[in-house]
ModelCIF file with pLDDT and N, C-alpha, C, O atoms, coordinates in Angstrom:
data_MODEL
#
_entry.id   MODEL 
#
_entity.id                         1 
_entity.type                       polymer 
_entity.pdbx_number_of_molecules   1 
#
_entity_poly.entity_id                      1 
_entity_poly.type                           'polypeptide(L)' 
_entity_poly.nstd_linkage                   no 
_entity_poly.nstd_monomer                   no 
_entity_poly.pdbx_seq_one_letter_code       NELPGTVRQVMLTPGQVVEAGTVLVAFDVSVEEAELRAQQAQAVLAEA 
_entity_poly.pdbx_seq_one_letter_code_can   NELPGTVRQVMLTPGQVVEAGTVLVAFDVSVEEAELRAQQAQAVLAEA 
_entity_poly.pdbx_strand_id                 A 
#
loop_
_entity_poly_seq.entity_id 
_entity_poly_seq.num 
_entity_poly_seq.mon_id 
_entity_poly_seq.hetero 
1 1  ASN n 
1 2  GLU n 
1 3  LEU n 
1 4  PRO n 
1 5  GLY n 
1 6  THR n 
1 7  VAL n 
1 8  ARG n 
1 9  GLN n 
1 10 VAL n 
1 11 MET n 
1 12 LEU n 
1 13 THR n 
1 14 PRO n 
1 15 GLY n 
1 16 GLN n 
1 17 VAL n 
1 18 VAL n 
1 19 GLU n 
1 20 ALA n 
1 21 GLY n 
1 22 THR n 
1 23 VAL n 
1 24 LEU n 
1 25 VAL n 
1 26 ALA n 
1 27 PHE n 
1 28 ASP n 
1 29 VAL n 
1 30 SER n 
1 31 VAL n 
1 32 GLU n 
1 33 GLU n 
1 34 ALA n 
1 35 GLU n 
1 36 LEU n 
1 37 ARG n 
1 38 ALA n 
1 39 GLN n 
1 40 GLN n 
1 41 ALA n 
1 42 GLN n 
1 43 ALA n 
1 44 VAL n 
1 45 LEU n 
1 46 ALA n 
1 47 GLU n 
1 48 ALA n 
#
_struct_asym.id          A 
_struct_asym.entity_id   1 
#
loop_
_ma_qa_metric.id 
_ma_qa_metric.mode 
_ma_qa_metric.name 
_ma_qa_metric.software_group_id 
_ma_qa_metric.type 
1 global pLDDT . pLDDT 
2 local  pLDDT . pLDDT 
#
_ma_qa_metric_global.metric_id      1 
_ma_qa_metric_global.metric_value   90.73 
_ma_qa_metric_global.model_id       1 
_ma_qa_metric_global.ordinal_id     1 
#
loop_
_ma_qa_metric_local.label_asym_id 
_ma_qa_metric_local.label_comp_id 
_ma_qa_metric_local.label_seq_id 
_ma_qa_metric_local.metric_id 
_ma_qa_metric_local.metric_value 
_ma_qa_metric_local.model_id 
_ma_qa_metric_local.ordinal_id 
A ASN 1  2 91.00 1 1  
A GLU 2  2 90.00 1 2  
A LEU 3  2 91.00 1 3  
A PRO 4  2 93.00 1 4  
A GLY 5  2 92.00 1 5  
A THR 6  2 93.00 1 6  
A VAL 7  2 93.00 1 7  
A ARG 8  2 93.00 1 8  
A GLN 9  2 91.00 1 9  
A VAL 10 2 92.00 1 10 
A MET 11 2 91.00 1 11 
A LEU 12 2 89.00 1 12 
A THR 13 2 88.00 1 13 
A PRO 14 2 90.00 1 14 
A GLY 15 2 87.00 1 15 
A GLN 16 2 89.00 1 16 
A VAL 17 2 90.00 1 17 
A VAL 18 2 90.00 1 18 
A GLU 19 2 91.00 1 19 
A ALA 20 2 90.00 1 20 
A GLY 21 2 89.00 1 21 
A THR 22 2 91.00 1 22 
A VAL 23 2 92.00 1 23 
A LEU 24 2 92.00 1 24 
A VAL 25 2 93.00 1 25 
A ALA 26 2 93.00 1 26 
A PHE 27 2 94.00 1 27 
A ASP 28 2 93.00 1 28 
A VAL 29 2 91.00 1 29 
A SER 30 2 91.00 1 30 
A VAL 31 2 91.00 1 31 
A GLU 32 2 90.00 1 32 
A GLU 33 2 91.00 1 33 
A ALA 34 2 93.00 1 34 
A GLU 35 2 91.00 1 35 
A LEU 36 2 91.00 1 36 
A ARG 37 2 92.00 1 37 
A ALA 38 2 92.00 1 38 
A GLN 39 2 90.00 1 39 
A GLN 40 2 90.00 1 40 
A ALA 41 2 91.00 1 41 
A GLN 42 2 90.00 1 42 
A ALA 43 2 90.00 1 43 
A VAL 44 2 89.00 1 44 
A LEU 45 2 89.00 1 45 
A ALA 46 2 87.00 1 46 
A GLU 47 2 88.00 1 47 
A ALA 48 2 87.00 1 48 
#
loop_
_atom_site.group_PDB 
_atom_site.id 
_atom_site.type_symbol 
_atom_site.label_atom_id 
_atom_site.label_alt_id 
_atom_site.label_comp_id 
_atom_site.label_asym_id 
_atom_site.label_entity_id 
_atom_site.label_seq_id 
_atom_site.pdbx_PDB_ins_code 
_atom_site.Cartn_x 
_atom_site.Cartn_y 
_atom_site.Cartn_z 
_atom_site.occupancy 
_atom_site.B_iso_or_equiv 
_atom_site.pdbx_formal_charge 
_atom_site.auth_seq_id 
_atom_site.auth_comp_id 
_atom_site.auth_asym_id 
_atom_site.auth_atom_id 
_atom_site.pdbx_PDB_model_num 
ATOM 1   N N  . ASN A 1 1  ? -3.653 -4.442  -9.625  1.00 91.00 ? 1  ASN A N  1 
ATOM 2   C CA . ASN A 1 1  ? -3.605 -2.909  -9.690  1.00 91.00 ? 1  ASN A CA 1 
ATOM 3   C C  . ASN A 1 1  ? -3.906 -2.971  -8.526  1.00 91.00 ? 1  ASN A C  1 
ATOM 4   O O  . ASN A 1 1  ? -4.684 -3.784  -8.026  1.00 91.00 ? 1  ASN A O  1 
ATOM 5   N N  . GLU A 1 2  ? -3.105 -1.809  -7.791  1.00 90.00 ? 2  GLU A N  1 
ATOM 6   C CA . GLU A 1 2  ? -3.511 -0.911  -6.569  1.00 90.00 ? 2  GLU A CA 1 
ATOM 7   C C  . GLU A 1 2  ? -4.537 -0.529  -6.371  1.00 90.00 ? 2  GLU A C  1 
ATOM 8   O O  . GLU A 1 2  ? -5.319 -0.729  -5.442  1.00 90.00 ? 2  GLU A O  1 
ATOM 9   N N  . LEU A 1 3  ? -4.623 0.394   -7.764  1.00 91.00 ? 3  LEU A N  1 
ATOM 10  C CA . LEU A 1 3  ? -5.961 1.858   -7.733  1.00 91.00 ? 3  LEU A CA 1 
ATOM 11  C C  . LEU A 1 3  ? -6.838 1.308   -8.973  1.00 91.00 ? 3  LEU A C  1 
ATOM 12  O O  . LEU A 1 3  ? -6.333 0.853   -10.000 1.00 91.00 ? 3  LEU A O  1 
ATOM 13  N N  . PRO A 1 4  ? -8.307 1.420   -8.717  1.00 93.00 ? 4  PRO A N  1 
ATOM 14  C CA . PRO A 1 4  ? -8.866 1.385   -9.612  1.00 93.00 ? 4  PRO A CA 1 
ATOM 15  C C  . PRO A 1 4  ? -8.644 2.438   -10.636 1.00 93.00 ? 4  PRO A C  1 
ATOM 16  O O  . PRO A 1 4  ? -8.208 3.520   -10.243 1.00 93.00 ? 4  PRO A O  1 
ATOM 17  N N  . GLY A 1 5  ? -8.940 2.222   -12.177 1.00 92.00 ? 5  GLY A N  1 
ATOM 18  C CA . GLY A 1 5  ? -8.974 2.888   -13.230 1.00 92.00 ? 5  GLY A CA 1 
ATOM 19  C C  . GLY A 1 5  ? -9.332 2.368   -14.666 1.00 92.00 ? 5  GLY A C  1 
ATOM 20  O O  . GLY A 1 5  ? -9.675 1.211   -14.908 1.00 92.00 ? 5  GLY A O  1 
ATOM 21  N N  . THR A 1 6  ? -9.233 3.165   -15.394 1.00 93.00 ? 6  THR A N  1 
ATOM 22  C CA . THR A 1 6  ? -9.627 2.384   -17.148 1.00 93.00 ? 6  THR A CA 1 
ATOM 23  C C  . THR A 1 6  ? -8.212 2.483   -17.806 1.00 93.00 ? 6  THR A C  1 
ATOM 24  O O  . THR A 1 6  ? -7.527 3.500   -17.916 1.00 93.00 ? 6  THR A O  1 
ATOM 25  N N  . VAL A 1 7  ? -7.881 1.064   -18.270 1.00 93.00 ? 7  VAL A N  1 
ATOM 26  C CA . VAL A 1 7  ? -6.957 0.952   -19.142 1.00 93.00 ? 7  VAL A CA 1 
ATOM 27  C C  . VAL A 1 7  ? -6.793 1.798   -20.363 1.00 93.00 ? 7  VAL A C  1 
ATOM 28  O O  . VAL A 1 7  ? -7.629 1.915   -21.259 1.00 93.00 ? 7  VAL A O  1 
ATOM 29  N N  . ARG A 1 8  ? -5.597 2.388   -20.300 1.00 93.00 ? 8  ARG A N  1 
ATOM 30  C CA . ARG A 1 8  ? -5.028 2.852   -21.207 1.00 93.00 ? 8  ARG A CA 1 
ATOM 31  C C  . ARG A 1 8  ? -4.261 2.050   -22.523 1.00 93.00 ? 8  ARG A C  1 
ATOM 32  O O  . ARG A 1 8  ? -4.599 2.051   -23.707 1.00 93.00 ? 8  ARG A O  1 
ATOM 33  N N  . GLN A 1 9  ? -3.184 1.416   -21.909 1.00 91.00 ? 9  GLN A N  1 
ATOM 34  C CA . GLN A 1 9  ? -2.805 0.756   -22.993 1.00 91.00 ? 9  GLN A CA 1 
ATOM 35  C C  . GLN A 1 9  ? -2.065 -0.649  -21.838 1.00 91.00 ? 9  GLN A C  1 
ATOM 36  O O  . GLN A 1 9  ? -1.878 -0.777  -20.628 1.00 91.00 ? 9  GLN A O  1 
ATOM 37  N N  . VAL A 1 10 ? -1.887 -1.289  -22.794 1.00 92.00 ? 10 VAL A N  1 
ATOM 38  C CA . VAL A 1 10 ? -1.433 -3.315  -22.504 1.00 92.00 ? 10 VAL A CA 1 
ATOM 39  C C  . VAL A 1 10 ? -0.400 -3.620  -23.229 1.00 92.00 ? 10 VAL A C  1 
ATOM 40  O O  . VAL A 1 10 ? -0.316 -3.277  -24.408 1.00 92.00 ? 10 VAL A O  1 
ATOM 41  N N  . MET A 1 11 ? 0.417  -4.231  -22.675 1.00 91.00 ? 11 MET A N  1 
ATOM 42  C CA . MET A 1 11 ? 1.616  -4.615  -23.276 1.00 91.00 ? 11 MET A CA 1 
ATOM 43  C C  . MET A 1 11 ? 2.045  -5.808  -22.553 1.00 91.00 ? 11 MET A C  1 
ATOM 44  O O  . MET A 1 11 ? 3.077  -5.885  -21.886 1.00 91.00 ? 11 MET A O  1 
ATOM 45  N N  . LEU A 1 12 ? 0.993  -6.939  -22.767 1.00 89.00 ? 12 LEU A N  1 
ATOM 46  C CA . LEU A 1 12 ? 1.431  -8.214  -21.874 1.00 89.00 ? 12 LEU A CA 1 
ATOM 47  C C  . LEU A 1 12 ? 1.309  -9.323  -23.085 1.00 89.00 ? 12 LEU A C  1 
ATOM 48  O O  . LEU A 1 12 ? 0.168  -9.527  -23.499 1.00 89.00 ? 12 LEU A O  1 
ATOM 49  N N  . THR A 1 13 ? 2.208  -9.932  -23.585 1.00 88.00 ? 13 THR A N  1 
ATOM 50  C CA . THR A 1 13 ? 2.399  -11.030 -24.694 1.00 88.00 ? 13 THR A CA 1 
ATOM 51  C C  . THR A 1 13 ? 2.329  -11.929 -23.807 1.00 88.00 ? 13 THR A C  1 
ATOM 52  O O  . THR A 1 13 ? 2.794  -11.464 -22.766 1.00 88.00 ? 13 THR A O  1 
ATOM 53  N N  . PRO A 1 14 ? 1.873  -13.340 -23.625 1.00 90.00 ? 14 PRO A N  1 
ATOM 54  C CA . PRO A 1 14 ? 2.127  -14.302 -22.596 1.00 90.00 ? 14 PRO A CA 1 
ATOM 55  C C  . PRO A 1 14 ? 3.082  -15.054 -23.338 1.00 90.00 ? 14 PRO A C  1 
ATOM 56  O O  . PRO A 1 14 ? 3.150  -15.305 -24.541 1.00 90.00 ? 14 PRO A O  1 
ATOM 57  N N  . GLY A 1 15 ? 3.869  -15.389 -22.288 1.00 87.00 ? 15 GLY A N  1 
ATOM 58  C CA . GLY A 1 15 ? 5.484  -15.858 -22.678 1.00 87.00 ? 15 GLY A CA 1 
ATOM 59  C C  . GLY A 1 15 ? 6.615  -15.480 -23.296 1.00 87.00 ? 15 GLY A C  1 
ATOM 60  O O  . GLY A 1 15 ? 7.542  -16.165 -23.728 1.00 87.00 ? 15 GLY A O  1 
ATOM 61  N N  . GLN A 1 16 ? 6.396  -14.002 -23.293 1.00 89.00 ? 16 GLN A N  1 
ATOM 62  C CA . GLN A 1 16 ? 7.200  -12.895 -23.215 1.00 89.00 ? 16 GLN A CA 1 
ATOM 63  C C  . GLN A 1 16 ? 8.181  -12.311 -22.201 1.00 89.00 ? 16 GLN A C  1 
ATOM 64  O O  . GLN A 1 16 ? 7.785  -11.451 -21.415 1.00 89.00 ? 16 GLN A O  1 
ATOM 65  N N  . VAL A 1 17 ? 9.582  -12.789 -22.184 1.00 90.00 ? 17 VAL A N  1 
ATOM 66  C CA . VAL A 1 17 ? 10.487 -11.965 -21.108 1.00 90.00 ? 17 VAL A CA 1 
ATOM 67  C C  . VAL A 1 17 ? 10.597 -10.819 -21.207 1.00 90.00 ? 17 VAL A C  1 
ATOM 68  O O  . VAL A 1 17 ? 10.783 -10.327 -22.320 1.00 90.00 ? 17 VAL A O  1 
ATOM 69  N N  . VAL A 1 18 ? 10.515 -10.028 -20.064 1.00 90.00 ? 18 VAL A N  1 
ATOM 70  C CA . VAL A 1 18 ? 10.161 -8.854  -19.831 1.00 90.00 ? 18 VAL A CA 1 
ATOM 71  C C  . VAL A 1 18 ? 11.433 -8.277  -18.833 1.00 90.00 ? 18 VAL A C  1 
ATOM 72  O O  . VAL A 1 18 ? 11.648 -9.074  -17.919 1.00 90.00 ? 18 VAL A O  1 
ATOM 73  N N  . GLU A 1 19 ? 12.061 -7.428  -18.810 1.00 91.00 ? 19 GLU A N  1 
ATOM 74  C CA . GLU A 1 19 ? 13.034 -6.866  -17.938 1.00 91.00 ? 19 GLU A CA 1 
ATOM 75  C C  . GLU A 1 19 ? 12.533 -6.073  -16.495 1.00 91.00 ? 19 GLU A C  1 
ATOM 76  O O  . GLU A 1 19 ? 11.400 -5.724  -16.162 1.00 91.00 ? 19 GLU A O  1 
ATOM 77  N N  . ALA A 1 20 ? 13.330 -5.989  -16.059 1.00 90.00 ? 20 ALA A N  1 
ATOM 78  C CA . ALA A 1 20 ? 12.815 -5.479  -14.563 1.00 90.00 ? 20 ALA A CA 1 
ATOM 79  C C  . ALA A 1 20 ? 12.648 -3.663  -14.924 1.00 90.00 ? 20 ALA A C  1 
ATOM 80  O O  . ALA A 1 20 ? 13.548 -2.933  -15.341 1.00 90.00 ? 20 ALA A O  1 
ATOM 81  N N  . GLY A 1 21 ? 11.277 -3.289  -14.622 1.00 89.00 ? 21 GLY A N  1 
ATOM 82  C CA . GLY A 1 21 ? 11.234 -1.931  -14.987 1.00 89.00 ? 21 GLY A CA 1 
ATOM 83  C C  . GLY A 1 21 ? 10.110 -1.541  -16.216 1.00 89.00 ? 21 GLY A C  1 
ATOM 84  O O  . GLY A 1 21 ? 9.579  -0.450  -16.428 1.00 89.00 ? 21 GLY A O  1 
ATOM 85  N N  . THR A 1 22 ? 9.962  -2.690  -16.867 1.00 91.00 ? 22 THR A N  1 
ATOM 86  C CA . THR A 1 22 ? 9.234  -2.742  -17.932 1.00 91.00 ? 22 THR A CA 1 
ATOM 87  C C  . THR A 1 22 ? 7.541  -2.251  -17.986 1.00 91.00 ? 22 THR A C  1 
ATOM 88  O O  . THR A 1 22 ? 6.727  -3.026  -17.485 1.00 91.00 ? 22 THR A O  1 
ATOM 89  N N  . VAL A 1 23 ? 7.277  -1.555  -18.318 1.00 92.00 ? 23 VAL A N  1 
ATOM 90  C CA . VAL A 1 23 ? 6.190  -1.114  -18.414 1.00 92.00 ? 23 VAL A CA 1 
ATOM 91  C C  . VAL A 1 23 ? 4.833  -1.948  -19.255 1.00 92.00 ? 23 VAL A C  1 
ATOM 92  O O  . VAL A 1 23 ? 4.582  -1.876  -20.457 1.00 92.00 ? 23 VAL A O  1 
ATOM 93  N N  . LEU A 1 24 ? 3.855  -2.981  -17.875 1.00 92.00 ? 24 LEU A N  1 
ATOM 94  C CA . LEU A 1 24 ? 3.106  -3.720  -18.851 1.00 92.00 ? 24 LEU A CA 1 
ATOM 95  C C  . LEU A 1 24 ? 1.870  -3.338  -18.962 1.00 92.00 ? 24 LEU A C  1 
ATOM 96  O O  . LEU A 1 24 ? 1.183  -3.745  -19.899 1.00 92.00 ? 24 LEU A O  1 
ATOM 97  N N  . VAL A 1 25 ? 1.336  -2.414  -17.933 1.00 93.00 ? 25 VAL A N  1 
ATOM 98  C CA . VAL A 1 25 ? -0.130 -1.911  -18.303 1.00 93.00 ? 25 VAL A CA 1 
ATOM 99  C C  . VAL A 1 25 ? -0.074 -0.804  -17.359 1.00 93.00 ? 25 VAL A C  1 
ATOM 100 O O  . VAL A 1 25 ? 0.321  -0.667  -16.201 1.00 93.00 ? 25 VAL A O  1 
ATOM 101 N N  . ALA A 1 26 ? -0.798 0.215   -18.573 1.00 93.00 ? 26 ALA A N  1 
ATOM 102 C CA . ALA A 1 26 ? -0.970 1.957   -18.069 1.00 93.00 ? 26 ALA A CA 1 
ATOM 103 C C  . ALA A 1 26 ? -2.291 2.166   -17.885 1.00 93.00 ? 26 ALA A C  1 
ATOM 104 O O  . ALA A 1 26 ? -3.044 1.716   -18.749 1.00 93.00 ? 26 ALA A O  1 
ATOM 105 N N  . PHE A 1 27 ? -2.843 2.856   -16.781 1.00 94.00 ? 27 PHE A N  1 
ATOM 106 C CA . PHE A 1 27 ? -3.983 3.278   -16.766 1.00 94.00 ? 27 PHE A CA 1 
ATOM 107 C C  . PHE A 1 27 ? -3.923 4.890   -16.957 1.00 94.00 ? 27 PHE A C  1 
ATOM 108 O O  . PHE A 1 27 ? -2.906 5.546   -16.733 1.00 94.00 ? 27 PHE A O  1 
ATOM 109 N N  . ASP A 1 28 ? -5.101 5.409   -17.384 1.00 93.00 ? 28 ASP A N  1 
ATOM 110 C CA . ASP A 1 28 ? -5.310 6.545   -18.064 1.00 93.00 ? 28 ASP A CA 1 
ATOM 111 C C  . ASP A 1 28 ? -5.343 7.457   -16.790 1.00 93.00 ? 28 ASP A C  1 
ATOM 112 O O  . ASP A 1 28 ? -6.228 7.270   -15.955 1.00 93.00 ? 28 ASP A O  1 
ATOM 113 N N  . VAL A 1 29 ? -4.482 8.358   -16.632 1.00 91.00 ? 29 VAL A N  1 
ATOM 114 C CA . VAL A 1 29 ? -3.858 9.302   -15.603 1.00 91.00 ? 29 VAL A CA 1 
ATOM 115 C C  . VAL A 1 29 ? -4.291 10.732  -15.930 1.00 91.00 ? 29 VAL A C  1 
ATOM 116 O O  . VAL A 1 29 ? -3.881 11.565  -15.122 1.00 91.00 ? 29 VAL A O  1 
ATOM 117 N N  . SER A 1 30 ? -5.166 11.278  -17.124 1.00 91.00 ? 30 SER A N  1 
ATOM 118 C CA . SER A 1 30 ? -5.126 12.429  -17.448 1.00 91.00 ? 30 SER A CA 1 
ATOM 119 C C  . SER A 1 30 ? -6.195 13.608  -15.883 1.00 91.00 ? 30 SER A C  1 
ATOM 120 O O  . SER A 1 30 ? -6.267 14.825  -15.712 1.00 91.00 ? 30 SER A O  1 
ATOM 121 N N  . VAL A 1 31 ? -6.576 12.854  -15.393 1.00 91.00 ? 31 VAL A N  1 
ATOM 122 C CA . VAL A 1 31 ? -7.165 13.542  -14.601 1.00 91.00 ? 31 VAL A CA 1 
ATOM 123 C C  . VAL A 1 31 ? -6.108 14.024  -13.368 1.00 91.00 ? 31 VAL A C  1 
ATOM 124 O O  . VAL A 1 31 ? -6.046 15.155  -12.887 1.00 91.00 ? 31 VAL A O  1 
ATOM 125 N N  . GLU A 1 32 ? -5.219 12.735  -12.956 1.00 90.00 ? 32 GLU A N  1 
ATOM 126 C CA . GLU A 1 32 ? -4.049 13.068  -12.090 1.00 90.00 ? 32 GLU A CA 1 
ATOM 127 C C  . GLU A 1 32 ? -3.241 13.891  -12.729 1.00 90.00 ? 32 GLU A C  1 
ATOM 128 O O  . GLU A 1 32 ? -3.179 14.988  -12.173 1.00 90.00 ? 32 GLU A O  1 
ATOM 129 N N  . GLU A 1 33 ? -2.573 13.786  -13.716 1.00 91.00 ? 33 GLU A N  1 
ATOM 130 C CA . GLU A 1 33 ? -2.137 14.800  -14.455 1.00 91.00 ? 33 GLU A CA 1 
ATOM 131 C C  . GLU A 1 33 ? -2.156 16.208  -14.552 1.00 91.00 ? 33 GLU A C  1 
ATOM 132 O O  . GLU A 1 33 ? -1.176 16.949  -14.619 1.00 91.00 ? 33 GLU A O  1 
ATOM 133 N N  . ALA A 1 34 ? -3.510 16.558  -14.553 1.00 93.00 ? 34 ALA A N  1 
ATOM 134 C CA . ALA A 1 34 ? -4.555 18.235  -14.767 1.00 93.00 ? 34 ALA A CA 1 
ATOM 135 C C  . ALA A 1 34 ? -4.173 17.840  -13.269 1.00 93.00 ? 34 ALA A C  1 
ATOM 136 O O  . ALA A 1 34 ? -2.973 17.576  -13.203 1.00 93.00 ? 34 ALA A O  1 
ATOM 137 N N  . GLU A 1 35 ? -4.737 17.738  -12.223 1.00 91.00 ? 35 GLU A N  1 
ATOM 138 C CA . GLU A 1 35 ? -4.181 17.967  -10.540 1.00 91.00 ? 35 GLU A CA 1 
ATOM 139 C C  . GLU A 1 35 ? -2.960 18.437  -10.433 1.00 91.00 ? 35 GLU A C  1 
ATOM 140 O O  . GLU A 1 35 ? -2.591 19.472  -9.878  1.00 91.00 ? 35 GLU A O  1 
ATOM 141 N N  . LEU A 1 36 ? -2.235 17.493  -11.088 1.00 91.00 ? 36 LEU A N  1 
ATOM 142 C CA . LEU A 1 36 ? -0.666 17.719  -10.532 1.00 91.00 ? 36 LEU A CA 1 
ATOM 143 C C  . LEU A 1 36 ? -0.201 18.757  -11.042 1.00 91.00 ? 36 LEU A C  1 
ATOM 144 O O  . LEU A 1 36 ? 0.740  19.194  -10.379 1.00 91.00 ? 36 LEU A O  1 
ATOM 145 N N  . ARG A 1 37 ? -0.582 19.687  -12.439 1.00 92.00 ? 37 ARG A N  1 
ATOM 146 C CA . ARG A 1 37 ? -0.261 20.954  -12.692 1.00 92.00 ? 37 ARG A CA 1 
ATOM 147 C C  . ARG A 1 37 ? -0.832 22.030  -11.939 1.00 92.00 ? 37 ARG A C  1 
ATOM 148 O O  . ARG A 1 37 ? -0.162 23.044  -11.748 1.00 92.00 ? 37 ARG A O  1 
ATOM 149 N N  . ALA A 1 38 ? -2.113 21.911  -11.445 1.00 92.00 ? 38 ALA A N  1 
ATOM 150 C CA . ALA A 1 38 ? -2.786 22.664  -10.303 1.00 92.00 ? 38 ALA A CA 1 
ATOM 151 C C  . ALA A 1 38 ? -1.681 22.875  -9.313  1.00 92.00 ? 38 ALA A C  1 
ATOM 152 O O  . ALA A 1 38 ? -0.981 23.864  -9.098  1.00 92.00 ? 38 ALA A O  1 
ATOM 153 N N  . GLN A 1 39 ? -1.714 21.494  -8.680  1.00 90.00 ? 39 GLN A N  1 
ATOM 154 C CA . GLN A 1 39 ? -1.049 21.641  -7.485  1.00 90.00 ? 39 GLN A CA 1 
ATOM 155 C C  . GLN A 1 39 ? 0.727  22.205  -7.819  1.00 90.00 ? 39 GLN A C  1 
ATOM 156 O O  . GLN A 1 39 ? 1.385  22.620  -6.865  1.00 90.00 ? 39 GLN A O  1 
ATOM 157 N N  . GLN A 1 40 ? 1.331  22.158  -9.191  1.00 90.00 ? 40 GLN A N  1 
ATOM 158 C CA . GLN A 1 40 ? 2.645  22.630  -8.733  1.00 90.00 ? 40 GLN A CA 1 
ATOM 159 C C  . GLN A 1 40 ? 2.356  24.083  -8.955  1.00 90.00 ? 40 GLN A C  1 
ATOM 160 O O  . GLN A 1 40 ? 3.066  24.831  -8.284  1.00 90.00 ? 40 GLN A O  1 
ATOM 161 N N  . ALA A 1 41 ? 1.453  24.674  -9.764  1.00 91.00 ? 41 ALA A N  1 
ATOM 162 C CA . ALA A 1 41 ? 1.065  26.095  -9.552  1.00 91.00 ? 41 ALA A CA 1 
ATOM 163 C C  . ALA A 1 41 ? 0.990  26.697  -8.317  1.00 91.00 ? 41 ALA A C  1 
ATOM 164 O O  . ALA A 1 41 ? 1.375  27.838  -8.064  1.00 91.00 ? 41 ALA A O  1 
ATOM 165 N N  . GLN A 1 42 ? 0.353  25.702  -7.342  1.00 90.00 ? 42 GLN A N  1 
ATOM 166 C CA . GLN A 1 42 ? -0.267 26.267  -6.279  1.00 90.00 ? 42 GLN A CA 1 
ATOM 167 C C  . GLN A 1 42 ? 0.824  26.311  -5.522  1.00 90.00 ? 42 GLN A C  1 
ATOM 168 O O  . GLN A 1 42 ? 0.829  27.319  -4.815  1.00 90.00 ? 42 GLN A O  1 
ATOM 169 N N  . ALA A 1 43 ? 2.271  25.238  -5.308  1.00 90.00 ? 43 ALA A N  1 
ATOM 170 C CA . ALA A 1 43 ? 3.201  25.286  -4.913  1.00 90.00 ? 43 ALA A CA 1 
ATOM 171 C C  . ALA A 1 43 ? 4.301  26.679  -5.102  1.00 90.00 ? 43 ALA A C  1 
ATOM 172 O O  . ALA A 1 43 ? 5.005  27.201  -4.238  1.00 90.00 ? 43 ALA A O  1 
ATOM 173 N N  . VAL A 1 44 ? 4.179  26.967  -6.261  1.00 89.00 ? 44 VAL A N  1 
ATOM 174 C CA . VAL A 1 44 ? 4.710  28.192  -7.075  1.00 89.00 ? 44 VAL A CA 1 
ATOM 175 C C  . VAL A 1 44 ? 4.424  29.344  -6.039  1.00 89.00 ? 44 VAL A C  1 
ATOM 176 O O  . VAL A 1 44 ? 5.177  29.871  -5.220  1.00 89.00 ? 44 VAL A O  1 
ATOM 177 N N  . LEU A 1 45 ? 3.216  29.549  -6.308  1.00 89.00 ? 45 LEU A N  1 
ATOM 178 C CA . LEU A 1 45 ? 2.562  30.547  -5.143  1.00 89.00 ? 45 LEU A CA 1 
ATOM 179 C C  . LEU A 1 45 ? 2.568  30.752  -4.097  1.00 89.00 ? 45 LEU A C  1 
ATOM 180 O O  . LEU A 1 45 ? 2.433  31.894  -3.657  1.00 89.00 ? 45 LEU A O  1 
ATOM 181 N N  . ALA A 1 46 ? 2.766  29.464  -3.190  1.00 87.00 ? 46 ALA A N  1 
ATOM 182 C CA . ALA A 1 46 ? 2.899  29.492  -1.774  1.00 87.00 ? 46 ALA A CA 1 
ATOM 183 C C  . ALA A 1 46 ? 4.696  29.959  -1.541  1.00 87.00 ? 46 ALA A C  1 
ATOM 184 O O  . ALA A 1 46 ? 5.249  30.768  -0.795  1.00 87.00 ? 46 ALA A O  1 
ATOM 185 N N  . GLU A 1 47 ? 5.115  29.154  -2.413  1.00 88.00 ? 47 GLU A N  1 
ATOM 186 C CA . GLU A 1 47 ? 6.683  29.725  -2.136  1.00 88.00 ? 47 GLU A CA 1 
ATOM 187 C C  . GLU A 1 47 ? 6.989  31.181  -2.579  1.00 88.00 ? 47 GLU A C  1 
ATOM 188 O O  . GLU A 1 47 ? 7.856  31.783  -1.947  1.00 88.00 ? 47 GLU A O  1 
ATOM 189 N N  . ALA A 1 48 ? 6.457  31.704  -3.445  1.00 87.00 ? 48 ALA A N  1 
ATOM 190 C CA . ALA A 1 48 ? 6.591  33.085  -3.521  1.00 87.00 ? 48 ALA A CA 1 
ATOM 191 C C  . ALA A 1 48 ? 5.680  34.164  -2.216  1.00 87.00 ? 48 ALA A C  1 
ATOM 192 O O  . ALA A 1 48 ? 5.776  35.391  -2.253  1.00 87.00 ? 48 ALA A O  1 
#
């Protein structure tokens, strides 16, 4: 992993063949998603 964080979902089955693009590990991004919504609102205000 490139960034630290808390693991939310794991889909790692040893020996399983996965296709390119398959999600293997998902970290908790609730804080980042909240920041994204605030930034989108700020972008709308700046555009206006």
